[in-house]
């Protein structure tokens, strides 16, 4: 079942986010189950929103690629919501 992942990243900066997406964007596009990624600044940091084919796919990518590359002190608060409907192109 497709899932929506929301990651609130307190303390993250535009530069920090752009560095992460530059390093991981290609791997994300090729990752099993990846559907989409978007992000935007919020009051205390950055918010990342992704859709994955399954929570397992999302978790595997996070554990393998994101977590090991997080800057010191940056720890996303992630939530996972199973989706009822997903319409894509």
PDB file of N, CA and C in Angstrom:
ATOM      1  N   UNK A   1       0.838  -1.174   0.000  1.00  0.00           N
ATOM      2  CA  UNK A   1       0.000   0.000   0.000  1.00  0.00           C
ATOM      3  C   UNK A   1       0.885   1.241   0.000  1.00  0.00           C
ATOM      4  N   UNK A   2       0.569   2.217  -0.834  1.00  0.00           N
ATOM      5  CA  UNK A   2       1.347   3.455  -0.913  1.00  0.00           C
ATOM      6  C   UNK A   2       1.256   4.221   0.400  1.00  0.00           C
ATOM      7  N   UNK A   3       2.341   4.919   0.724  1.00  0.00           N
ATOM      8  CA  UNK A   3       2.399   5.700   1.949  1.00  0.00           C
ATOM      9  C   UNK A   3       2.892   7.110   1.676  1.00  0.00           C
ATOM     10  N   UNK A   4       2.417   8.017   2.513  1.00  0.00           N
ATOM     11  CA  UNK A   4       2.883   9.398   2.525  1.00  0.00           C
ATOM     12  C   UNK A   4       3.830   9.528   3.708  1.00  0.00           C
ATOM     13  N   UNK A   5       5.026  10.013   3.448  1.00  0.00           N
ATOM     14  CA  UNK A   5       6.011  10.237   4.499  1.00  0.00           C
ATOM     15  C   UNK A   5       6.180  11.742   4.650  1.00  0.00           C
ATOM     16  N   UNK A   6       6.009  12.232   5.867  1.00  0.00           N
ATOM     17  CA  UNK A   6       6.270  13.640   6.145  1.00  0.00           C
ATOM     18  C   UNK A   6       7.413  13.688   7.137  1.00  0.00           C
ATOM     19  N   UNK A   7       8.457  14.393   6.748  1.00  0.00           N
ATOM     20  CA  UNK A   7       9.618  14.547   7.609  1.00  0.00           C
ATOM     21  C   UNK A   7       9.803  15.997   7.987  1.00  0.00           C
ATOM     22  N   UNK A   8       9.593  16.320   9.247  1.00  0.00           N
ATOM     23  CA  UNK A   8       9.906  17.654   9.751  1.00  0.00           C
ATOM     24  C   UNK A   8      11.337  17.616  10.250  1.00  0.00           C
ATOM     25  N   UNK A   9      12.148  18.573   9.779  1.00  0.00           N
ATOM     26  CA  UNK A   9      13.577  18.547  10.056  1.00  0.00           C
ATOM     27  C   UNK A   9      13.985  19.843  10.760  1.00  0.00           C
ATOM     28  N   UNK A  10      13.805  19.900  12.077  1.00  0.00           N
ATOM     29  CA  UNK A  10      14.184  21.100  12.820  1.00  0.00           C
ATOM     30  C   UNK A  10      15.670  21.399  12.658  1.00  0.00           C
ATOM     31  N   UNK A  11      15.974  22.678  12.467  1.00  0.00           N
ATOM     32  CA  UNK A  11      17.366  23.095  12.348  1.00  0.00           C
ATOM     33  C   UNK A  11      17.951  22.962  10.954  1.00  0.00           C
ATOM     34  N   UNK A  12      17.240  22.320  10.039  1.00  0.00           N
ATOM     35  CA  UNK A  12      17.763  22.175   8.676  1.00  0.00           C
ATOM     36  C   UNK A  12      17.705  23.520   7.964  1.00  0.00           C
ATOM     37  N   UNK A  13      18.708  23.810   7.172  1.00  0.00           N
ATOM     38  CA  UNK A  13      18.778  25.048   6.394  1.00  0.00           C
ATOM     39  C   UNK A  13      18.542  24.734   4.913  1.00  0.00           C
ATOM     40  N   UNK A  14      18.312  25.779   4.133  1.00  0.00           N
ATOM     41  CA  UNK A  14      18.183  25.599   2.677  1.00  0.00           C
ATOM     42  C   UNK A  14      19.449  24.956   2.126  1.00  0.00           C
ATOM     43  N   UNK A  15      20.587  25.449   2.566  1.00  0.00           N
ATOM     44  CA  UNK A  15      21.857  24.917   2.075  1.00  0.00           C
ATOM     45  C   UNK A  15      22.022  23.447   2.467  1.00  0.00           C
ATOM     46  N   UNK A  16      21.659  23.117   3.685  1.00  0.00           N
ATOM     47  CA  UNK A  16      21.754  21.734   4.139  1.00  0.00           C
ATOM     48  C   UNK A  16      20.841  20.816   3.346  1.00  0.00           C
ATOM     49  N   UNK A  17      19.597  21.277   3.112  1.00  0.00           N
ATOM     50  CA  UNK A  17      18.666  20.472   2.316  1.00  0.00           C
ATOM     51  C   UNK A  17      19.201  20.301   0.899  1.00  0.00           C
ATOM     52  N   UNK A  18      19.639  21.394   0.282  1.00  0.00           N
ATOM     53  CA  UNK A  18      20.124  21.316  -1.094  1.00  0.00           C
ATOM     54  C   UNK A  18      21.334  20.405  -1.219  1.00  0.00           C
ATOM     55  N   UNK A  19      22.178  20.386  -0.205  1.00  0.00           N
ATOM     56  CA  UNK A  19      23.322  19.479  -0.202  1.00  0.00           C
ATOM     57  C   UNK A  19      22.860  18.021  -0.152  1.00  0.00           C
ATOM     58  N   UNK A  20      21.875  17.733   0.699  1.00  0.00           N
ATOM     59  CA  UNK A  20      21.348  16.363   0.809  1.00  0.00           C
ATOM     60  C   UNK A  20      20.685  15.920  -0.494  1.00  0.00           C
ATOM     61  N   UNK A  21      19.864  16.777  -1.085  1.00  0.00           N
ATOM     62  CA  UNK A  21      19.150  16.367  -2.309  1.00  0.00           C
ATOM     63  C   UNK A  21      20.134  16.221  -3.468  1.00  0.00           C
ATOM     64  N   UNK A  22      21.181  17.035  -3.492  1.00  0.00           N
ATOM     65  CA  UNK A  22      22.196  16.890  -4.537  1.00  0.00           C
ATOM     66  C   UNK A  22      22.914  15.542  -4.399  1.00  0.00           C
ATOM     67  N   UNK A  23      23.176  15.136  -3.161  1.00  0.00           N
ATOM     68  CA  UNK A  23      23.894  13.886  -2.920  1.00  0.00           C
ATOM     69  C   UNK A  23      23.004  12.659  -3.109  1.00  0.00           C
ATOM     70  N   UNK A  24      21.714  12.773  -2.790  1.00  0.00           N
ATOM     71  CA  UNK A  24      20.848  11.598  -2.752  1.00  0.00           C
ATOM     72  C   UNK A  24      19.763  11.556  -3.821  1.00  0.00           C
ATOM     73  N   UNK A  25      19.579  12.639  -4.550  1.00  0.00           N
ATOM     74  CA  UNK A  25      18.487  12.716  -5.524  1.00  0.00           C
ATOM     75  C   UNK A  25      18.517  11.610  -6.570  1.00  0.00           C
ATOM     76  N   UNK A  26      19.660  11.325  -7.115  1.00  0.00           N
ATOM     77  CA  UNK A  26      19.752  10.278  -8.142  1.00  0.00           C
ATOM     78  C   UNK A  26      19.432   8.906  -7.569  1.00  0.00           C
ATOM     79  N   UNK A  27      19.959   8.621  -6.384  1.00  0.00           N
ATOM     80  CA  UNK A  27      19.674   7.334  -5.736  1.00  0.00           C
ATOM     81  C   UNK A  27      18.187   7.216  -5.428  1.00  0.00           C
ATOM     82  N   UNK A  28      17.572   8.322  -5.019  1.00  0.00           N
ATOM     83  CA  UNK A  28      16.144   8.302  -4.710  1.00  0.00           C
ATOM     84  C   UNK A  28      15.332   7.962  -5.953  1.00  0.00           C
ATOM     85  N   UNK A  29      15.652   8.588  -7.073  1.00  0.00           N
ATOM     86  CA  UNK A  29      14.918   8.345  -8.316  1.00  0.00           C
ATOM     87  C   UNK A  29      14.990   6.882  -8.745  1.00  0.00           C
ATOM     88  N   UNK A  30      16.075   6.204  -8.403  1.00  0.00           N
ATOM     89  CA  UNK A  30      16.270   4.811  -8.798  1.00  0.00           C
ATOM     90  C   UNK A  30      15.831   3.811  -7.721  1.00  0.00           C
ATOM     91  N   UNK A  31      15.447   4.313  -6.561  1.00  0.00           N
ATOM     92  CA  UNK A  31      15.105   3.427  -5.433  1.00  0.00           C
ATOM     93  C   UNK A  31      13.798   2.680  -5.688  1.00  0.00           C
ATOM     94  N   UNK A  32      13.753   1.415  -5.322  1.00  0.00           N
ATOM     95  CA  UNK A  32      12.510   0.653  -5.452  1.00  0.00           C
ATOM     96  C   UNK A  32      11.387   1.316  -4.653  1.00  0.00           C
ATOM     97  N   UNK A  33      10.251   1.498  -5.294  1.00  0.00           N
ATOM     98  CA  UNK A  33       9.074   2.032  -4.622  1.00  0.00           C
ATOM     99  C   UNK A  33       8.969   3.538  -4.557  1.00  0.00           C
ATOM    100  N   UNK A  34       9.987   4.266  -5.007  1.00  0.00           N
ATOM    101  CA  UNK A  34       9.924   5.729  -4.959  1.00  0.00           C
ATOM    102  C   UNK A  34       8.873   6.251  -5.928  1.00  0.00           C
ATOM    103  N   UNK A  35       8.045   7.198  -5.461  1.00  0.00           N
ATOM    104  CA  UNK A  35       7.016   7.804  -6.300  1.00  0.00           C
ATOM    105  C   UNK A  35       7.284   9.290  -6.494  1.00  0.00           C
ATOM    106  N   UNK A  36       7.439  10.057  -5.406  1.00  0.00           N
ATOM    107  CA  UNK A  36       7.685  11.494  -5.537  1.00  0.00           C
ATOM    108  C   UNK A  36       8.293  12.070  -4.274  1.00  0.00           C
ATOM    109  N   UNK A  37       8.926  13.233  -4.434  1.00  0.00           N
ATOM    110  CA  UNK A  37       9.563  13.956  -3.332  1.00  0.00           C
ATOM    111  C   UNK A  37       9.361  15.441  -3.558  1.00  0.00           C
ATOM    112  N   UNK A  38       9.051  16.155  -2.503  1.00  0.00           N
ATOM    113  CA  UNK A  38       9.026  17.607  -2.535  1.00  0.00           C
ATOM    114  C   UNK A  38       9.438  18.100  -1.162  1.00  0.00           C
ATOM    115  N   UNK A  39       9.843  19.350  -1.063  1.00  0.00           N
ATOM    116  CA  UNK A  39      10.266  19.897   0.219  1.00  0.00           C
ATOM    117  C   UNK A  39      10.109  21.410   0.201  1.00  0.00           C
ATOM    118  N   UNK A  40      10.009  21.973   1.401  1.00  0.00           N
ATOM    119  CA  UNK A  40       9.873  23.426   1.519  1.00  0.00           C
ATOM    120  C   UNK A  40      10.277  23.859   2.924  1.00  0.00           C
ATOM    121  N   UNK A  41      10.697  25.146   3.039  1.00  0.00           N
ATOM    122  CA  UNK A  41      11.088  25.642   4.354  1.00  0.00           C
ATOM    123  C   UNK A  41       9.867  25.860   5.242  1.00  0.00           C
ATOM    124  N   UNK A  42      10.053  25.632   6.532  1.00  0.00           N
ATOM    125  CA  UNK A  42       9.042  25.925   7.550  1.00  0.00           C
ATOM    126  C   UNK A  42       9.710  26.785   8.623  1.00  0.00           C
ATOM    127  N   UNK A  43       8.914  27.232   9.563  1.00  0.00           N
ATOM    128  CA  UNK A  43       9.399  28.195  10.559  1.00  0.00           C
ATOM    129  C   UNK A  43      10.685  27.770  11.261  1.00  0.00           C
ATOM    130  N   UNK A  44      10.787  26.518  11.658  1.00  0.00           N
ATOM    131  CA  UNK A  44      11.955  26.094  12.443  1.00  0.00           C
ATOM    132  C   UNK A  44      12.896  25.155  11.691  1.00  0.00           C
ATOM    133  N   UNK A  45      12.753  25.070  10.376  1.00  0.00           N
ATOM    134  CA  UNK A  45      13.626  24.176   9.615  1.00  0.00           C
ATOM    135  C   UNK A  45      13.108  23.892   8.232  1.00  0.00           C
ATOM    136  N   UNK A  46      12.862  22.624   7.962  1.00  0.00           N
ATOM    137  CA  UNK A  46      12.504  22.187   6.610  1.00  0.00           C
ATOM    138  C   UNK A  46      11.481  21.063   6.720  1.00  0.00           C
ATOM    139  N   UNK A  47      10.583  20.960   5.750  1.00  0.00           N
ATOM    140  CA  UNK A  47       9.627  19.846   5.709  1.00  0.00           C
ATOM    141  C   UNK A  47       9.821  19.114   4.386  1.00  0.00           C
ATOM    142  N   UNK A  48       9.937  17.789   4.488  1.00  0.00           N
ATOM    143  CA  UNK A  48      10.087  16.922   3.326  1.00  0.00           C
ATOM    144  C   UNK A  48       8.834  16.063   3.228  1.00  0.00           C
ATOM    145  N   UNK A  49       8.275  15.974   2.030  1.00  0.00           N
ATOM    146  CA  UNK A  49       7.073  15.178   1.791  1.00  0.00           C
ATOM    147  C   UNK A  49       7.388  14.210   0.654  1.00  0.00           C
ATOM    148  N   UNK A  50       7.162  12.929   0.915  1.00  0.00           N
ATOM    149  CA  UNK A  50       7.427  11.910  -0.101  1.00  0.00           C
ATOM    150  C   UNK A  50       6.276  10.925  -0.175  1.00  0.00           C
ATOM    151  N   UNK A  51       6.143  10.307  -1.335  1.00  0.00           N
ATOM    152  CA  UNK A  51       5.225   9.188  -1.511  1.00  0.00           C
ATOM    153  C   UNK A  51       6.064   8.006  -1.976  1.00  0.00           C
ATOM    154  N   UNK A  52       5.821   6.863  -1.333  1.00  0.00           N
ATOM    155  CA  UNK A  52       6.503   5.613  -1.647  1.00  0.00           C
ATOM    156  C   UNK A  52       5.463   4.520  -1.846  1.00  0.00           C
ATOM    157  N   UNK A  53       5.822   3.493  -2.575  1.00  0.00           N
ATOM    158  CA  UNK A  53       4.910   2.372  -2.807  1.00  0.00           C
ATOM    159  C   UNK A  53       4.602   1.621  -1.524  1.00  0.00           C
ATOM    160  N   UNK A  54       5.538   1.637  -0.562  1.00  0.00           N
ATOM    161  CA  UNK A  54       5.304   0.960   0.715  1.00  0.00           C
ATOM    162  C   UNK A  54       6.161   1.602   1.800  1.00  0.00           C
ATOM    163  N   UNK A  55       5.742   1.400   3.041  1.00  0.00           N
ATOM    164  CA  UNK A  55       6.526   1.880   4.178  1.00  0.00           C
ATOM    165  C   UNK A  55       7.886   1.175   4.215  1.00  0.00           C
ATOM    166  N   UNK A  56       7.912  -0.071   3.805  1.00  0.00           N
ATOM    167  CA  UNK A  56       9.176  -0.822   3.779  1.00  0.00           C
ATOM    168  C   UNK A  56      10.174  -0.187   2.808  1.00  0.00           C
ATOM    169  N   UNK A  57       9.714   0.170   1.612  1.00  0.00           N
ATOM    170  CA  UNK A  57      10.591   0.831   0.633  1.00  0.00           C
ATOM    171  C   UNK A  57      11.127   2.146   1.190  1.00  0.00           C
ATOM    172  N   UNK A  58      10.238   2.941   1.776  1.00  0.00           N
ATOM    173  CA  UNK A  58      10.643   4.238   2.338  1.00  0.00           C
ATOM    174  C   UNK A  58      11.639   4.052   3.473  1.00  0.00           C
ATOM    175  N   UNK A  59      11.362   3.123   4.357  1.00  0.00           N
ATOM    176  CA  UNK A  59      12.251   2.865   5.491  1.00  0.00           C
ATOM    177  C   UNK A  59      13.620   2.375   5.063  1.00  0.00           C
ATOM    178  N   UNK A  60      13.638   1.519   4.068  1.00  0.00           N
ATOM    179  CA  UNK A  60      14.911   0.987   3.558  1.00  0.00           C
ATOM    180  C   UNK A  60      15.761   2.111   2.971  1.00  0.00           C
ATOM    181  N   UNK A  61      15.135   2.990   2.198  1.00  0.00           N
ATOM    182  CA  UNK A  61      15.886   4.100   1.612  1.00  0.00           C
ATOM    183  C   UNK A  61      16.415   5.026   2.706  1.00  0.00           C
ATOM    184  N   UNK A  62      15.564   5.353   3.671  1.00  0.00           N
ATOM    185  CA  UNK A  62      15.984   6.241   4.754  1.00  0.00           C
ATOM    186  C   UNK A  62      17.165   5.638   5.519  1.00  0.00           C
ATOM    187  N   UNK A  63      17.061   4.379   5.871  1.00  0.00           N
ATOM    188  CA  UNK A  63      18.113   3.726   6.651  1.00  0.00           C
ATOM    189  C   UNK A  63      19.423   3.611   5.871  1.00  0.00           C
ATOM    190  N   UNK A  64      19.328   3.344   4.587  1.00  0.00           N
ATOM    191  CA  UNK A  64      20.521   3.114   3.768  1.00  0.00           C
ATOM    192  C   UNK A  64      21.188   4.400   3.309  1.00  0.00           C
ATOM    193  N   UNK A  65      20.386   5.400   2.932  1.00  0.00           N
ATOM    194  CA  UNK A  65      20.946   6.601   2.303  1.00  0.00           C
ATOM    195  C   UNK A  65      20.822   7.873   3.137  1.00  0.00           C
ATOM    196  N   UNK A  66      19.686   8.109   3.736  1.00  0.00           N
ATOM    197  CA  UNK A  66      19.465   9.391   4.423  1.00  0.00           C
ATOM    198  C   UNK A  66      20.144   9.410   5.788  1.00  0.00           C
ATOM    199  N   UNK A  67      19.787   8.478   6.642  1.00  0.00           N
ATOM    200  CA  UNK A  67      20.292   8.490   8.016  1.00  0.00           C
ATOM    201  C   UNK A  67      21.817   8.591   8.100  1.00  0.00           C
ATOM    202  N   UNK A  68      22.567   7.809   7.321  1.00  0.00           N
ATOM    203  CA  UNK A  68      24.030   7.889   7.425  1.00  0.00           C
ATOM    204  C   UNK A  68      24.608   9.223   6.944  1.00  0.00           C
ATOM    205  N   UNK A  69      23.840  10.007   6.195  1.00  0.00           N
ATOM    206  CA  UNK A  69      24.349  11.252   5.633  1.00  0.00           C
ATOM    207  C   UNK A  69      23.814  12.504   6.316  1.00  0.00           C
ATOM    208  N   UNK A  70      23.064  12.337   7.395  1.00  0.00           N
ATOM    209  CA  UNK A  70      22.527  13.497   8.104  1.00  0.00           C
ATOM    210  C   UNK A  70      23.653  14.263   8.801  1.00  0.00           C
ATOM    211  N   UNK A  71      23.618  15.595   8.711  1.00  0.00           N
ATOM    212  CA  UNK A  71      24.618  16.387   9.433  1.00  0.00           C
ATOM    213  C   UNK A  71      24.444  16.219  10.951  1.00  0.00           C
ATOM    214  N   UNK A  72      25.497  16.443  11.712  1.00  0.00           N
ATOM    215  CA  UNK A  72      25.391  16.350  13.172  1.00  0.00           C
ATOM    216  C   UNK A  72      24.267  17.263  13.688  1.00  0.00           C
ATOM    217  N   UNK A  73      23.466  16.721  14.595  1.00  0.00           N
ATOM    218  CA  UNK A  73      22.394  17.495  15.205  1.00  0.00           C
ATOM    219  C   UNK A  73      21.108  17.578  14.407  1.00  0.00           C
ATOM    220  N   UNK A  74      21.097  17.085  13.184  1.00  0.00           N
ATOM    221  CA  UNK A  74      19.892  17.128  12.352  1.00  0.00           C
ATOM    222  C   UNK A  74      19.212  15.770  12.434  1.00  0.00           C
ATOM    223  N   UNK A  75      18.001  15.745  12.978  1.00  0.00           N
ATOM    224  CA  UNK A  75      17.252  14.499  13.138  1.00  0.00           C
ATOM    225  C   UNK A  75      15.801  14.711  12.710  1.00  0.00           C
ATOM    226  N   UNK A  76      15.426  14.193  11.558  1.00  0.00           N
ATOM    227  CA  UNK A  76      14.046  14.348  11.088  1.00  0.00           C
ATOM    228  C   UNK A  76      13.044  13.663  12.016  1.00  0.00           C
ATOM    229  N   UNK A  77      11.899  14.279  12.156  1.00  0.00           N
ATOM    230  CA  UNK A  77      10.770  13.662  12.854  1.00  0.00           C
ATOM    231  C   UNK A  77       9.828  13.201  11.749  1.00  0.00           C
ATOM    232  N   UNK A  78       9.803  11.881  11.515  1.00  0.00           N
ATOM    233  CA  UNK A  78       9.062  11.332  10.384  1.00  0.00           C
ATOM    234  C   UNK A  78       7.725  10.755  10.814  1.00  0.00           C
ATOM    235  N   UNK A  79       6.724  10.971   9.973  1.00  0.00           N
ATOM    236  CA  UNK A  79       5.433  10.318  10.178  1.00  0.00           C
ATOM    237  C   UNK A  79       5.063   9.596   8.892  1.00  0.00           C
ATOM    238  N   UNK A  80       4.346   8.493   9.043  1.00  0.00           N
ATOM    239  CA  UNK A  80       3.957   7.662   7.913  1.00  0.00           C
ATOM    240  C   UNK A  80       2.444   7.521   7.922  1.00  0.00           C
ATOM    241  N   UNK A  81       1.843   7.800   6.778  1.00  0.00           N
ATOM    242  CA  UNK A  81       0.393   7.672   6.645  1.00  0.00           C
ATOM    243  C   UNK A  81       0.094   6.765   5.441  1.00  0.00           C
ATOM    244  N   UNK A  82      -0.597   5.658   5.691  1.00  0.00           N
ATOM    245  CA  UNK A  82      -1.007   4.798   4.590  1.00  0.00           C
ATOM    246  C   UNK A  82      -2.047   5.555   3.764  1.00  0.00           C
ATOM    247  N   UNK A  83      -1.907   5.524   2.451  1.00  0.00           N
ATOM    248  CA  UNK A  83      -2.809   6.248   1.570  1.00  0.00           C
ATOM    249  C   UNK A  83      -3.962   5.381   1.107  1.00  0.00           C
ATOM    250  N   UNK A  84      -5.110   5.975   1.039  1.00  0.00           N
ATOM    251  CA  UNK A  84      -6.295   5.293   0.506  1.00  0.00           C
ATOM    252  C   UNK A  84      -6.283   5.351  -1.017  1.00  0.00           C
ATOM    253  N   UNK A  85      -5.869   6.510  -1.558  1.00  0.00           N
ATOM    254  CA  UNK A  85      -5.885   6.715  -3.002  1.00  0.00           C
ATOM    255  C   UNK A  85      -4.590   7.408  -3.430  1.00  0.00           C
ATOM    256  N   UNK A  86      -4.074   6.987  -4.561  1.00  0.00           N
ATOM    257  CA  UNK A  86      -2.935   7.660  -5.175  1.00  0.00           C
ATOM    258  C   UNK A  86      -3.182   7.677  -6.677  1.00  0.00           C
ATOM    259  N   UNK A  87      -3.264   8.873  -7.230  1.00  0.00           N
ATOM    260  CA  UNK A  87      -3.437   9.052  -8.674  1.00  0.00           C
ATOM    261  C   UNK A  87      -2.171   9.736  -9.177  1.00  0.00           C
ATOM    262  N   UNK A  88      -1.537   9.160 -10.158  1.00  0.00           N
ATOM    263  CA  UNK A  88      -0.323   9.762 -10.697  1.00  0.00           C
ATOM    264  C   UNK A  88      -0.333   9.671 -12.214  1.00  0.00           C
ATOM    265  N   UNK A  89       0.619  10.376 -12.821  1.00  0.00           N
ATOM    266  CA  UNK A  89       0.712  10.358 -14.288  1.00  0.00           C
ATOM    267  C   UNK A  89       1.488   9.155 -14.755  1.00  0.00           C
TER     268      UNK A  89
END
